[in-house]
């Protein structure tokens, strides 16, 4: 993951999000945090955040932006996917 326009994480703790992001993307990229506004949205956290970023004009379909979606759960659940808008 040498370049990302944005990394959209599951809304776990901010410090954990930043720690994981620094491992995945040492060069950094924007990482929206919505938990402080929306609270724990559970399994909807990633799609809600993706929608908000598109609604606010920071992401758009057809722009070829690379976006990483990062999910994590208590225990051993973890996963990520890269998509191009």
N, C-alpha and C. Protein backbone atom coordinates (compact mmCIF):
# COMPACT_ATOMS: atom_id res chain seq x y z
N UNK A 1 0.84 -1.17 0.00
CA UNK A 1 0.00 0.00 0.00
C UNK A 1 0.89 1.23 0.00
N UNK A 2 1.51 1.48 -1.13
CA UNK A 2 2.47 2.57 -1.23
C UNK A 2 1.81 3.94 -1.30
N UNK A 3 0.57 4.01 -1.77
CA UNK A 3 -0.13 5.31 -1.85
C UNK A 3 -1.62 5.09 -1.65
N UNK A 4 -2.21 5.90 -0.84
CA UNK A 4 -3.66 5.91 -0.63
C UNK A 4 -4.11 7.35 -0.58
N UNK A 5 -5.25 7.64 -1.19
CA UNK A 5 -5.82 8.97 -1.09
C UNK A 5 -6.56 9.14 0.23
N UNK A 6 -7.05 8.02 0.79
CA UNK A 6 -7.74 8.07 2.07
C UNK A 6 -7.82 6.65 2.64
N UNK A 7 -7.75 6.55 3.95
CA UNK A 7 -7.96 5.28 4.64
C UNK A 7 -9.18 5.44 5.52
N UNK A 8 -10.20 4.61 5.29
CA UNK A 8 -11.44 4.69 6.07
C UNK A 8 -11.49 3.48 6.99
N UNK A 9 -11.31 3.70 8.28
CA UNK A 9 -11.27 2.59 9.23
C UNK A 9 -12.61 2.35 9.91
N UNK A 10 -12.75 1.13 10.42
CA UNK A 10 -13.81 0.87 11.38
C UNK A 10 -13.51 1.78 12.57
N UNK A 11 -14.51 2.33 13.19
CA UNK A 11 -14.30 3.36 14.21
C UNK A 11 -14.02 2.76 15.59
N UNK A 12 -12.84 2.14 15.68
CA UNK A 12 -12.33 1.70 16.97
C UNK A 12 -11.65 2.90 17.61
N UNK A 13 -10.90 2.73 18.64
CA UNK A 13 -10.30 3.89 19.31
C UNK A 13 -9.35 4.65 18.37
N UNK A 14 -9.35 5.96 18.50
CA UNK A 14 -8.53 6.81 17.64
C UNK A 14 -7.06 6.44 17.73
N UNK A 15 -6.56 6.19 18.93
CA UNK A 15 -5.14 5.85 19.07
C UNK A 15 -4.82 4.53 18.36
N UNK A 16 -5.72 3.56 18.43
CA UNK A 16 -5.50 2.29 17.75
C UNK A 16 -5.57 2.47 16.23
N UNK A 17 -6.51 3.28 15.77
CA UNK A 17 -6.62 3.57 14.33
C UNK A 17 -5.31 4.17 13.82
N UNK A 18 -4.79 5.16 14.52
CA UNK A 18 -3.55 5.82 14.08
C UNK A 18 -2.35 4.88 14.14
N UNK A 19 -2.32 4.01 15.13
CA UNK A 19 -1.23 3.04 15.25
C UNK A 19 -1.26 2.06 14.07
N UNK A 20 -2.43 1.54 13.76
CA UNK A 20 -2.57 0.60 12.64
C UNK A 20 -2.27 1.30 11.32
N UNK A 21 -2.78 2.52 11.15
CA UNK A 21 -2.56 3.27 9.92
C UNK A 21 -1.08 3.54 9.69
N UNK A 22 -0.34 3.83 10.74
CA UNK A 22 1.09 4.10 10.57
C UNK A 22 1.83 2.84 10.13
N UNK A 23 1.32 1.67 10.49
CA UNK A 23 1.92 0.40 10.03
C UNK A 23 1.57 0.13 8.57
N UNK A 24 0.30 0.38 8.20
CA UNK A 24 -0.14 0.12 6.83
C UNK A 24 0.39 1.16 5.85
N UNK A 25 0.41 2.42 6.27
CA UNK A 25 0.78 3.53 5.39
C UNK A 25 1.80 4.42 6.06
N UNK A 26 3.06 4.02 6.05
CA UNK A 26 4.08 4.82 6.73
C UNK A 26 4.15 6.26 6.23
N UNK A 27 3.79 6.51 4.96
CA UNK A 27 3.81 7.87 4.40
C UNK A 27 2.62 8.71 4.81
N UNK A 28 1.59 8.06 5.35
CA UNK A 28 0.40 8.77 5.81
C UNK A 28 -0.59 9.08 4.71
N UNK A 29 -1.81 9.40 5.10
CA UNK A 29 -2.88 9.84 4.23
C UNK A 29 -4.03 10.29 5.13
N UNK A 30 -5.04 10.98 4.58
CA UNK A 30 -6.17 11.39 5.41
C UNK A 30 -6.90 10.17 5.99
N UNK A 31 -7.30 10.28 7.26
CA UNK A 31 -8.03 9.22 7.95
C UNK A 31 -9.20 9.87 8.68
N UNK A 32 -10.41 9.79 8.12
CA UNK A 32 -11.55 10.42 8.78
C UNK A 32 -11.96 9.64 10.04
N UNK A 33 -12.22 10.38 11.10
CA UNK A 33 -12.68 9.80 12.36
C UNK A 33 -14.10 10.32 12.59
N UNK A 34 -15.09 9.43 12.66
CA UNK A 34 -16.48 9.84 12.84
C UNK A 34 -17.04 9.44 14.21
N UNK A 35 -16.32 8.61 14.94
CA UNK A 35 -16.85 8.12 16.22
C UNK A 35 -17.14 9.25 17.20
N UNK A 36 -16.35 10.31 17.15
CA UNK A 36 -16.57 11.43 18.08
C UNK A 36 -17.89 12.16 17.79
N UNK A 37 -18.38 12.09 16.55
CA UNK A 37 -19.65 12.73 16.19
C UNK A 37 -20.82 11.75 16.21
N UNK A 38 -20.59 10.53 15.72
CA UNK A 38 -21.68 9.58 15.52
C UNK A 38 -21.73 8.48 16.57
N UNK A 39 -20.70 8.36 17.38
CA UNK A 39 -20.65 7.27 18.35
C UNK A 39 -20.31 5.96 17.66
N UNK A 40 -20.56 4.87 18.35
CA UNK A 40 -20.25 3.55 17.82
C UNK A 40 -21.37 3.13 16.87
N UNK A 41 -21.07 3.13 15.58
CA UNK A 41 -22.07 2.74 14.58
C UNK A 41 -21.92 1.28 14.17
N UNK A 42 -21.08 0.53 14.89
CA UNK A 42 -20.93 -0.91 14.65
C UNK A 42 -20.51 -1.22 13.23
N UNK A 43 -21.20 -2.19 12.62
CA UNK A 43 -20.82 -2.65 11.28
C UNK A 43 -21.10 -1.62 10.19
N UNK A 44 -21.81 -0.55 10.52
CA UNK A 44 -22.10 0.49 9.53
C UNK A 44 -21.03 1.58 9.50
N UNK A 45 -20.03 1.51 10.37
CA UNK A 45 -19.04 2.59 10.48
C UNK A 45 -18.33 2.89 9.17
N UNK A 46 -17.87 1.88 8.46
CA UNK A 46 -17.14 2.12 7.21
C UNK A 46 -18.06 2.69 6.13
N UNK A 47 -19.22 2.07 5.84
CA UNK A 47 -20.08 2.67 4.80
C UNK A 47 -20.60 4.06 5.16
N UNK A 48 -20.89 4.30 6.42
CA UNK A 48 -21.36 5.64 6.84
C UNK A 48 -20.25 6.66 6.61
N UNK A 49 -19.03 6.34 6.99
CA UNK A 49 -17.91 7.26 6.81
C UNK A 49 -17.62 7.47 5.33
N UNK A 50 -17.65 6.42 4.53
CA UNK A 50 -17.44 6.55 3.08
C UNK A 50 -18.50 7.47 2.47
N UNK A 51 -19.74 7.28 2.84
CA UNK A 51 -20.82 8.14 2.35
C UNK A 51 -20.59 9.60 2.74
N UNK A 52 -20.24 9.83 3.99
CA UNK A 52 -20.00 11.21 4.46
C UNK A 52 -18.86 11.87 3.68
N UNK A 53 -17.79 11.13 3.43
CA UNK A 53 -16.66 11.70 2.68
C UNK A 53 -17.07 12.04 1.25
N UNK A 54 -17.93 11.20 0.65
CA UNK A 54 -18.42 11.49 -0.71
C UNK A 54 -19.39 12.66 -0.69
N UNK A 55 -20.26 12.70 0.29
CA UNK A 55 -21.23 13.78 0.42
C UNK A 55 -20.53 15.14 0.62
N UNK A 56 -19.41 15.13 1.34
CA UNK A 56 -18.68 16.36 1.60
C UNK A 56 -17.66 16.70 0.51
N UNK A 57 -17.62 15.89 -0.56
CA UNK A 57 -16.80 16.20 -1.72
C UNK A 57 -15.34 15.81 -1.63
N UNK A 58 -14.95 15.10 -0.59
CA UNK A 58 -13.55 14.69 -0.47
C UNK A 58 -13.24 13.43 -1.28
N UNK A 59 -14.28 12.65 -1.60
CA UNK A 59 -14.15 11.48 -2.46
C UNK A 59 -15.27 11.54 -3.50
N UNK A 60 -14.98 11.04 -4.71
CA UNK A 60 -15.99 11.04 -5.78
C UNK A 60 -15.78 9.84 -6.68
N UNK A 61 -16.89 9.25 -7.14
CA UNK A 61 -16.80 8.16 -8.10
C UNK A 61 -16.23 8.66 -9.41
N UNK A 62 -15.45 7.83 -10.09
CA UNK A 62 -14.87 8.18 -11.37
C UNK A 62 -13.60 8.99 -11.30
N UNK A 63 -13.09 9.24 -10.10
CA UNK A 63 -11.89 10.07 -9.95
C UNK A 63 -10.60 9.26 -9.89
N UNK A 64 -10.72 7.94 -9.85
CA UNK A 64 -9.57 7.05 -9.72
C UNK A 64 -8.83 7.21 -8.39
N UNK A 65 -9.51 7.75 -7.39
CA UNK A 65 -8.90 7.86 -6.06
C UNK A 65 -8.76 6.45 -5.46
N UNK A 66 -7.64 6.21 -4.80
CA UNK A 66 -7.42 4.94 -4.10
C UNK A 66 -7.83 5.11 -2.65
N UNK A 67 -8.75 4.25 -2.21
CA UNK A 67 -9.27 4.33 -0.85
C UNK A 67 -9.09 2.96 -0.20
N UNK A 68 -8.55 2.98 1.00
CA UNK A 68 -8.43 1.75 1.78
C UNK A 68 -9.55 1.68 2.79
N UNK A 69 -10.20 0.53 2.87
CA UNK A 69 -11.23 0.30 3.88
C UNK A 69 -10.65 -0.70 4.87
N UNK A 70 -10.65 -0.34 6.14
CA UNK A 70 -9.98 -1.15 7.15
C UNK A 70 -10.96 -1.52 8.25
N UNK A 71 -11.14 -2.82 8.45
CA UNK A 71 -12.05 -3.29 9.49
C UNK A 71 -11.31 -4.05 10.57
N UNK A 72 -11.79 -3.94 11.78
CA UNK A 72 -11.21 -4.68 12.90
C UNK A 72 -12.33 -4.99 13.89
N UNK A 73 -12.15 -6.06 14.62
CA UNK A 73 -13.14 -6.44 15.63
C UNK A 73 -12.40 -6.99 16.83
N UNK A 74 -13.10 -7.04 17.95
CA UNK A 74 -12.45 -7.58 19.15
C UNK A 74 -12.03 -9.02 18.90
N UNK A 75 -11.01 -9.43 19.54
CA UNK A 75 -10.49 -10.78 19.30
C UNK A 75 -9.49 -10.75 18.17
N UNK A 76 -9.66 -11.63 17.19
CA UNK A 76 -8.67 -11.77 16.12
C UNK A 76 -9.16 -11.29 14.76
N UNK A 77 -10.32 -10.63 14.68
CA UNK A 77 -10.85 -10.20 13.39
C UNK A 77 -10.17 -8.94 12.88
N UNK A 78 -9.63 -9.01 11.66
CA UNK A 78 -9.00 -7.84 11.04
C UNK A 78 -9.01 -8.05 9.53
N UNK A 79 -9.20 -6.99 8.78
CA UNK A 79 -9.17 -7.11 7.34
C UNK A 79 -9.11 -5.74 6.69
N UNK A 80 -8.65 -5.72 5.44
CA UNK A 80 -8.63 -4.46 4.70
C UNK A 80 -8.79 -4.74 3.21
N UNK A 81 -9.27 -3.75 2.51
CA UNK A 81 -9.43 -3.86 1.06
C UNK A 81 -9.10 -2.49 0.46
N UNK A 82 -8.54 -2.53 -0.72
CA UNK A 82 -8.22 -1.30 -1.45
C UNK A 82 -9.17 -1.21 -2.63
N UNK A 83 -9.76 -0.04 -2.82
CA UNK A 83 -10.66 0.12 -3.97
C UNK A 83 -10.35 1.44 -4.67
N UNK A 84 -10.62 1.45 -5.94
CA UNK A 84 -10.40 2.66 -6.74
C UNK A 84 -11.77 3.21 -7.12
N UNK A 85 -11.99 4.48 -6.77
CA UNK A 85 -13.25 5.11 -7.10
C UNK A 85 -13.22 5.57 -8.54
